[in-house]
Amino acid sequence: MGYVFTKRQTDKIKATLEELKKELEKVSEAKSDSGSYGDKWHEEGFKQGIDNEDRVVRRIDEVKALTHGAEIIYPKEQDKEVQIGNIVKLRYDDNSEYLFRIEGYVFISSRYDVSIYSPLGKAIEGAKVGDKKEFTVGDKMRSVTILEIYLPSLDDKLLPQ
């Protein structure tokens, strides 16, 4: 089975694929326009065009492979435990507080996105308000306390898009 994505991340992936397709068209055109005379294989612009084309095709293939077998999750409208789609307010062990959106796989992140595949995401998934959870990042142990769990529908009101 592949990764789990929210609709938000799926939309970002689709937009990225569209941008990559447009980029591929441009680099292919530029490659064709370079060396419009003579032996193209000996012209630097044509060689660069092939490299650019290969780079974009590889990126398209990487994005498609990432989503192969993926499951799109539509967040449940609940605020009893931390699940994909919830916004959570956390207090770290240094007393700093942050709001985060819980996502599946994070393809393009904002500073507010936390993937359930990350150490923090794994630690807090299923937690309830008041729970204290520990997780390790690198060689450092951290702890967070769940202060609030917000409904997924409050996303636009709580976090910048």
Protein backbone atom coordinates (compact mmCIF):
# COMPACT_ATOMS: atom_id res chain seq x y z
CA MET A 1 0.00 0.00 0.00
CA GLY A 2 1.16 3.53 -0.72
CA TYR A 3 1.09 6.67 1.34
CA VAL A 4 -1.96 8.38 2.77
CA PHE A 5 -2.69 11.89 1.49
CA THR A 6 -5.35 14.43 2.37
CA LYS A 7 -7.28 16.11 -0.43
CA ARG A 8 -5.25 19.27 0.30
CA GLN A 9 -1.96 17.49 -0.44
CA THR A 10 -3.49 15.66 -3.43
CA ASP A 11 -4.48 19.01 -4.93
CA LYS A 12 -0.90 20.25 -4.43
CA ILE A 13 0.42 17.16 -6.22
CA LYS A 14 -1.96 17.67 -9.16
CA ALA A 15 -0.92 21.31 -9.45
CA THR A 16 2.75 20.31 -9.35
CA LEU A 17 2.24 17.74 -12.11
CA GLU A 18 0.52 20.36 -14.28
CA GLU A 19 3.42 22.76 -13.72
CA LEU A 20 5.93 20.03 -14.58
CA LYS A 21 4.05 19.18 -17.80
CA LYS A 22 4.16 22.85 -18.82
CA GLU A 23 7.87 22.97 -17.97
CA LEU A 24 8.45 19.86 -20.07
CA GLU A 25 6.74 21.51 -23.04
CA LYS A 26 8.98 24.58 -22.66
CA VAL A 27 12.24 22.65 -22.37
CA SER A 28 11.26 20.42 -25.28
CA GLU A 29 10.53 23.49 -27.40
CA ALA A 30 13.82 25.08 -26.37
CA LYS A 31 15.67 21.89 -27.24
CA SER A 32 14.02 21.74 -30.66
CA ASP A 33 14.77 25.41 -31.33
CA SER A 34 18.44 25.02 -30.46
CA GLY A 35 20.61 23.79 -33.24
CA SER A 36 18.04 24.26 -35.92
CA TYR A 37 20.80 23.78 -38.42
CA GLY A 38 23.40 21.10 -38.93
CA ASP A 39 24.30 18.32 -36.55
CA LYS A 40 22.30 18.95 -33.35
CA TRP A 41 24.23 16.42 -31.28
CA HIS A 42 27.31 18.63 -31.35
CA GLU A 43 25.54 21.79 -30.25
CA GLU A 44 25.67 22.70 -26.57
CA GLY A 45 22.11 24.09 -26.47
CA PHE A 46 20.69 20.85 -27.78
CA LYS A 47 22.68 18.80 -25.26
CA GLN A 48 21.48 21.08 -22.45
CA GLY A 49 17.92 20.67 -23.73
CA ILE A 50 18.20 16.89 -23.49
CA ASP A 51 19.50 17.18 -19.92
CA ASN A 52 16.66 19.55 -18.97
CA GLU A 53 14.08 17.31 -20.59
CA ASP A 54 15.45 14.24 -18.75
CA ARG A 55 15.42 16.13 -15.43
CA VAL A 56 11.76 17.15 -15.80
CA VAL A 57 10.67 13.67 -16.94
CA ARG A 58 12.46 12.11 -13.94
CA ARG A 59 10.68 14.52 -11.60
CA ILE A 60 7.29 13.70 -13.16
CA ASP A 61 8.04 9.99 -12.74
CA GLU A 62 9.06 10.52 -9.08
CA VAL A 63 5.83 12.34 -8.28
CA LYS A 64 3.73 9.70 -10.03
CA ALA A 65 5.58 6.89 -8.21
CA LEU A 66 5.00 8.62 -4.87
CA THR A 67 1.27 8.64 -5.46
CA HIS A 68 1.04 5.11 -6.90
CA GLY A 69 -1.22 3.10 -4.62
CA ALA A 70 -1.88 6.13 -2.46
CA GLU A 71 -5.04 6.52 -0.45
CA ILE A 72 -6.85 9.85 -0.22
CA ILE A 73 -8.17 10.52 3.28
CA TYR A 74 -11.08 12.82 3.92
CA PRO A 75 -10.67 13.98 7.52
CA LYS A 76 -13.37 13.07 10.00
CA GLU A 77 -15.09 16.04 11.60
CA GLN A 78 -14.10 15.23 15.18
CA ASP A 79 -11.99 16.82 17.93
CA LYS A 80 -11.70 14.03 20.51
CA GLU A 81 -8.34 12.61 19.41
CA VAL A 82 -5.57 13.69 17.06
CA GLN A 83 -6.24 12.40 13.56
CA ILE A 84 -5.37 13.41 10.02
CA GLY A 85 -7.05 16.72 9.28
CA ASN A 86 -7.17 18.04 12.83
CA ILE A 87 -5.48 21.24 13.87
CA VAL A 88 -3.67 20.76 17.16
CA LYS A 89 -2.20 23.17 19.65
CA LEU A 90 0.91 21.75 21.28
CA ARG A 91 3.13 22.87 24.13
CA TYR A 92 6.73 21.73 23.80
CA ASP A 93 9.02 20.87 26.70
CA ASP A 94 10.54 24.38 26.44
CA ASN A 95 7.03 25.89 27.00
CA SER A 96 6.73 27.13 23.40
CA GLU A 97 3.30 26.62 21.83
CA TYR A 98 2.45 25.93 18.20
CA LEU A 99 -0.55 25.17 16.02
CA PHE A 100 -0.16 22.40 13.46
CA ARG A 101 -2.31 20.77 10.81
CA ILE A 102 -2.04 16.97 10.85
CA GLU A 103 -1.51 15.60 7.36
CA GLY A 104 -0.82 12.22 5.83
CA TYR A 105 2.22 12.36 3.58
CA VAL A 106 3.33 15.98 3.20
CA PHE A 107 4.25 16.61 -0.43
CA ILE A 108 4.53 20.39 -0.24
CA SER A 109 4.55 21.67 3.29
CA SER A 110 3.91 24.86 5.05
CA ARG A 111 5.33 25.54 8.48
CA TYR A 112 1.98 24.41 9.87
CA ASP A 113 1.94 20.91 8.36
CA VAL A 114 2.98 17.83 10.33
CA SER A 115 2.98 14.45 8.64
CA ILE A 116 1.76 11.39 10.48
CA TYR A 117 4.91 9.76 9.09
CA SER A 118 7.16 12.17 11.02
CA PRO A 119 8.40 11.45 14.56
CA LEU A 120 6.06 14.12 15.98
CA GLY A 121 3.11 12.92 13.89
CA LYS A 122 3.62 9.30 14.95
CA ALA A 123 3.83 10.35 18.61
CA ILE A 124 0.64 12.41 18.71
CA GLU A 125 -1.63 10.41 16.40
CA GLY A 126 -4.54 9.17 18.51
CA ALA A 127 -3.64 11.42 21.48
CA LYS A 128 -6.24 13.33 23.47
CA VAL A 129 -6.20 16.78 25.09
CA GLY A 130 -3.89 16.71 28.11
CA ASP A 131 -1.78 13.79 26.85
CA LYS A 132 1.97 14.22 27.00
CA LYS A 133 3.89 12.46 24.23
CA GLU A 134 7.60 11.95 23.67
CA PHE A 135 9.43 11.59 20.39
CA THR A 136 12.99 11.63 19.14
CA VAL A 137 14.41 13.86 16.43
CA GLY A 138 17.96 12.92 15.57
CA ASP A 139 19.52 12.18 18.94
CA LYS A 140 17.32 14.60 20.90
CA MET A 141 14.32 13.50 22.94
CA ARG A 142 11.44 15.99 22.92
CA SER A 143 8.04 16.04 24.56
CA VAL A 144 4.79 17.79 23.74
CA THR A 145 1.51 18.19 25.55
CA ILE A 146 -1.72 18.29 23.56
CA LEU A 147 -3.44 21.55 24.58
CA GLU A 148 -6.30 21.68 22.04
CA ILE A 149 -7.67 19.61 19.18
CA TYR A 150 -9.68 21.55 16.62
CA LEU A 151 -12.16 20.31 14.04
CA PRO A 152 -10.78 19.99 10.49
CA SER A 153 -13.44 22.44 9.28
CA LEU A 154 -11.78 25.21 11.32
CA ASP A 155 -8.58 24.95 9.27
CA ASP A 156 -9.18 28.12 7.20
CA LYS A 157 -10.05 30.11 10.33
CA LEU A 158 -7.04 28.98 12.38
CA LEU A 159 -4.17 28.69 9.89
CA PRO A 160 -3.04 30.81 6.96
CA GLN A 161 -3.35 29.10 3.62
